[in-house]
């Protein structure tokens, strides 16, 4: 039986931390790219480049989450 007041086990906490860092970093990088596109600093950028930046930031977030939690 699982009670509501019990904290999650360490593996679940580690997984949620890594996912949170990865998604947060991806949102931050995506917002930065779209902001730079909006103000005209970046004139034209391919959607493939935007996806590459998003995937890279997710990967970087996963790596930083793994390194930080050890």
N, C-alpha and C. Protein backbone atom coordinates (compact mmCIF):
# COMPACT_ATOMS: atom_id res chain seq x y z
N UNK A 1 0.84 -1.17 0.00
CA UNK A 1 0.00 0.00 0.00
C UNK A 1 0.89 1.25 0.00
N UNK A 2 0.61 2.20 -0.85
CA UNK A 2 1.39 3.43 -0.95
C UNK A 2 0.58 4.57 -0.33
N UNK A 3 1.20 5.25 0.61
CA UNK A 3 0.55 6.38 1.24
C UNK A 3 0.93 7.66 0.52
N UNK A 4 0.05 8.64 0.56
CA UNK A 4 0.26 9.89 -0.16
C UNK A 4 1.41 10.68 0.43
N UNK A 5 1.63 10.61 1.72
CA UNK A 5 2.65 11.42 2.38
C UNK A 5 4.06 10.85 2.24
N UNK A 6 4.22 9.68 1.65
CA UNK A 6 5.54 9.10 1.51
C UNK A 6 6.28 9.77 0.35
N UNK A 7 7.56 10.09 0.54
CA UNK A 7 8.33 10.64 -0.59
C UNK A 7 8.61 9.54 -1.61
N UNK A 8 8.79 9.91 -2.88
CA UNK A 8 9.09 8.89 -3.89
C UNK A 8 10.46 8.27 -3.65
N UNK A 9 10.65 7.09 -4.17
CA UNK A 9 11.94 6.43 -3.99
C UNK A 9 13.02 7.19 -4.73
N UNK A 10 14.30 6.97 -4.40
CA UNK A 10 15.39 7.75 -4.99
C UNK A 10 15.49 7.64 -6.51
N UNK A 11 15.16 6.46 -7.07
CA UNK A 11 15.24 6.32 -8.52
C UNK A 11 14.20 7.20 -9.22
N UNK A 12 13.01 7.26 -8.66
CA UNK A 12 11.97 8.11 -9.24
C UNK A 12 12.34 9.58 -9.12
N UNK A 13 12.87 9.97 -7.98
CA UNK A 13 13.30 11.36 -7.80
C UNK A 13 14.39 11.73 -8.78
N UNK A 14 15.36 10.84 -8.99
CA UNK A 14 16.46 11.10 -9.92
C UNK A 14 15.93 11.24 -11.34
N UNK A 15 15.02 10.34 -11.74
CA UNK A 15 14.45 10.40 -13.07
C UNK A 15 13.68 11.70 -13.28
N UNK A 16 12.86 12.07 -12.32
CA UNK A 16 12.08 13.31 -12.45
C UNK A 16 12.98 14.53 -12.48
N UNK A 17 14.06 14.51 -11.73
CA UNK A 17 15.01 15.62 -11.74
C UNK A 17 15.66 15.75 -13.11
N UNK A 18 16.10 14.63 -13.67
CA UNK A 18 16.76 14.66 -14.97
C UNK A 18 15.80 15.13 -16.05
N UNK A 19 14.58 14.62 -16.05
CA UNK A 19 13.60 15.04 -17.04
C UNK A 19 13.27 16.52 -16.87
N UNK A 20 13.14 16.98 -15.65
CA UNK A 20 12.84 18.39 -15.40
C UNK A 20 13.93 19.31 -15.90
N UNK A 21 15.18 18.95 -15.65
CA UNK A 21 16.29 19.77 -16.12
C UNK A 21 16.34 19.77 -17.64
N UNK A 22 16.15 18.60 -18.25
CA UNK A 22 16.23 18.50 -19.71
C UNK A 22 15.12 19.31 -20.38
N UNK A 23 13.91 19.18 -19.90
CA UNK A 23 12.79 19.91 -20.51
C UNK A 23 12.93 21.40 -20.25
N UNK A 24 13.35 21.77 -19.06
CA UNK A 24 13.53 23.20 -18.76
C UNK A 24 14.59 23.84 -19.64
N UNK A 25 15.69 23.15 -19.83
CA UNK A 25 16.74 23.67 -20.70
C UNK A 25 16.28 23.75 -22.14
N UNK A 26 15.50 22.77 -22.58
CA UNK A 26 14.98 22.80 -23.95
C UNK A 26 14.03 23.99 -24.16
N UNK A 27 13.16 24.24 -23.19
CA UNK A 27 12.26 25.39 -23.30
C UNK A 27 13.02 26.70 -23.31
N UNK A 28 14.04 26.79 -22.47
CA UNK A 28 14.84 28.00 -22.41
C UNK A 28 15.55 28.28 -23.73
N UNK A 29 16.19 27.26 -24.29
CA UNK A 29 16.90 27.43 -25.55
C UNK A 29 15.94 27.74 -26.70
N UNK A 30 14.79 27.09 -26.73
CA UNK A 30 13.81 27.35 -27.78
C UNK A 30 13.29 28.78 -27.68
N UNK A 31 13.00 29.22 -26.48
CA UNK A 31 12.53 30.59 -26.30
C UNK A 31 13.60 31.59 -26.72
N UNK A 32 14.85 31.31 -26.42
CA UNK A 32 15.95 32.20 -26.82
C UNK A 32 16.07 32.29 -28.33
N UNK A 33 15.98 31.16 -29.02
CA UNK A 33 16.08 31.16 -30.48
C UNK A 33 14.92 31.93 -31.09
N UNK A 34 13.71 31.68 -30.63
CA UNK A 34 12.56 32.40 -31.18
C UNK A 34 12.60 33.89 -30.84
N UNK A 35 13.13 34.23 -29.69
CA UNK A 35 13.29 35.64 -29.35
C UNK A 35 14.27 36.33 -30.29
N UNK A 36 15.41 35.67 -30.54
CA UNK A 36 16.38 36.24 -31.46
C UNK A 36 15.84 36.32 -32.88
N UNK A 37 15.02 35.36 -33.28
CA UNK A 37 14.37 35.44 -34.59
C UNK A 37 13.38 36.62 -34.63
N UNK A 38 12.67 36.82 -33.54
CA UNK A 38 11.66 37.88 -33.50
C UNK A 38 12.25 39.27 -33.56
N UNK A 39 13.37 39.50 -32.89
CA UNK A 39 13.94 40.85 -32.89
C UNK A 39 14.86 41.08 -34.08
N UNK A 40 15.11 40.03 -34.86
CA UNK A 40 15.86 40.20 -36.09
C UNK A 40 17.35 39.99 -35.99
N UNK A 41 17.84 39.49 -34.87
CA UNK A 41 19.27 39.21 -34.74
C UNK A 41 19.64 38.06 -35.67
N UNK A 42 18.81 37.05 -35.69
CA UNK A 42 18.98 35.94 -36.63
C UNK A 42 18.00 36.20 -37.77
N UNK A 43 18.51 36.38 -38.97
CA UNK A 43 17.65 36.74 -40.10
C UNK A 43 16.83 35.55 -40.59
N UNK A 44 17.46 34.46 -40.87
CA UNK A 44 16.75 33.29 -41.37
C UNK A 44 17.42 32.05 -40.79
N UNK A 45 16.61 31.18 -40.27
CA UNK A 45 17.15 29.95 -39.70
C UNK A 45 16.22 28.82 -40.10
N UNK A 46 16.79 27.72 -40.48
CA UNK A 46 16.01 26.57 -40.92
C UNK A 46 15.34 25.90 -39.73
N UNK A 47 14.22 25.25 -39.99
CA UNK A 47 13.56 24.53 -38.91
C UNK A 47 14.40 23.35 -38.44
N UNK A 48 15.24 22.82 -39.33
CA UNK A 48 16.13 21.74 -38.92
C UNK A 48 17.13 22.23 -37.87
N UNK A 49 17.57 23.44 -38.02
CA UNK A 49 18.52 24.00 -37.06
C UNK A 49 17.82 24.21 -35.71
N UNK A 50 16.58 24.67 -35.74
CA UNK A 50 15.82 24.85 -34.50
C UNK A 50 15.64 23.51 -33.81
N UNK A 51 15.29 22.47 -34.56
CA UNK A 51 15.13 21.14 -33.97
C UNK A 51 16.45 20.62 -33.43
N UNK A 52 17.54 20.88 -34.13
CA UNK A 52 18.85 20.45 -33.65
C UNK A 52 19.19 21.13 -32.33
N UNK A 53 18.88 22.41 -32.21
CA UNK A 53 19.13 23.14 -30.97
C UNK A 53 18.27 22.57 -29.84
N UNK A 54 17.02 22.29 -30.12
CA UNK A 54 16.13 21.73 -29.11
C UNK A 54 16.63 20.37 -28.64
N UNK A 55 16.98 19.50 -29.58
CA UNK A 55 17.46 18.17 -29.21
C UNK A 55 18.80 18.23 -28.48
N UNK A 56 19.67 19.14 -28.90
CA UNK A 56 20.94 19.31 -28.19
C UNK A 56 20.72 19.78 -26.77
N UNK A 57 19.79 20.71 -26.58
CA UNK A 57 19.55 21.21 -25.23
C UNK A 57 18.91 20.15 -24.34
N UNK A 58 18.07 19.29 -24.92
CA UNK A 58 17.51 18.18 -24.14
C UNK A 58 18.63 17.24 -23.72
N UNK A 59 19.52 16.92 -24.65
CA UNK A 59 20.66 16.06 -24.33
C UNK A 59 21.56 16.67 -23.28
N UNK A 60 21.81 17.97 -23.39
CA UNK A 60 22.64 18.64 -22.40
C UNK A 60 21.97 18.66 -21.04
N UNK A 61 20.66 18.82 -21.02
CA UNK A 61 19.93 18.78 -19.75
C UNK A 61 19.98 17.41 -19.10
N UNK A 62 19.89 16.36 -19.91
CA UNK A 62 19.98 15.01 -19.37
C UNK A 62 21.37 14.77 -18.80
N UNK A 63 22.39 15.17 -19.53
CA UNK A 63 23.75 14.98 -19.04
C UNK A 63 24.02 15.78 -17.76
N UNK A 64 23.52 17.01 -17.72
CA UNK A 64 23.75 17.80 -16.51
C UNK A 64 22.96 17.24 -15.33
N UNK A 65 21.79 16.70 -15.59
CA UNK A 65 21.02 16.08 -14.52
C UNK A 65 21.68 14.84 -13.98
N UNK A 66 22.28 14.05 -14.86
CA UNK A 66 22.97 12.84 -14.43
C UNK A 66 24.22 13.19 -13.62
N UNK A 67 24.97 14.17 -14.08
CA UNK A 67 26.20 14.55 -13.40
C UNK A 67 25.89 15.20 -12.05
N UNK A 68 24.87 16.02 -11.99
CA UNK A 68 24.54 16.74 -10.76
C UNK A 68 24.04 15.79 -9.67
N UNK A 69 23.28 14.79 -10.03
CA UNK A 69 22.65 13.92 -9.05
C UNK A 69 23.57 12.83 -8.52
N UNK A 70 24.75 12.67 -9.06
CA UNK A 70 25.63 11.58 -8.58
C UNK A 70 26.28 11.91 -7.30
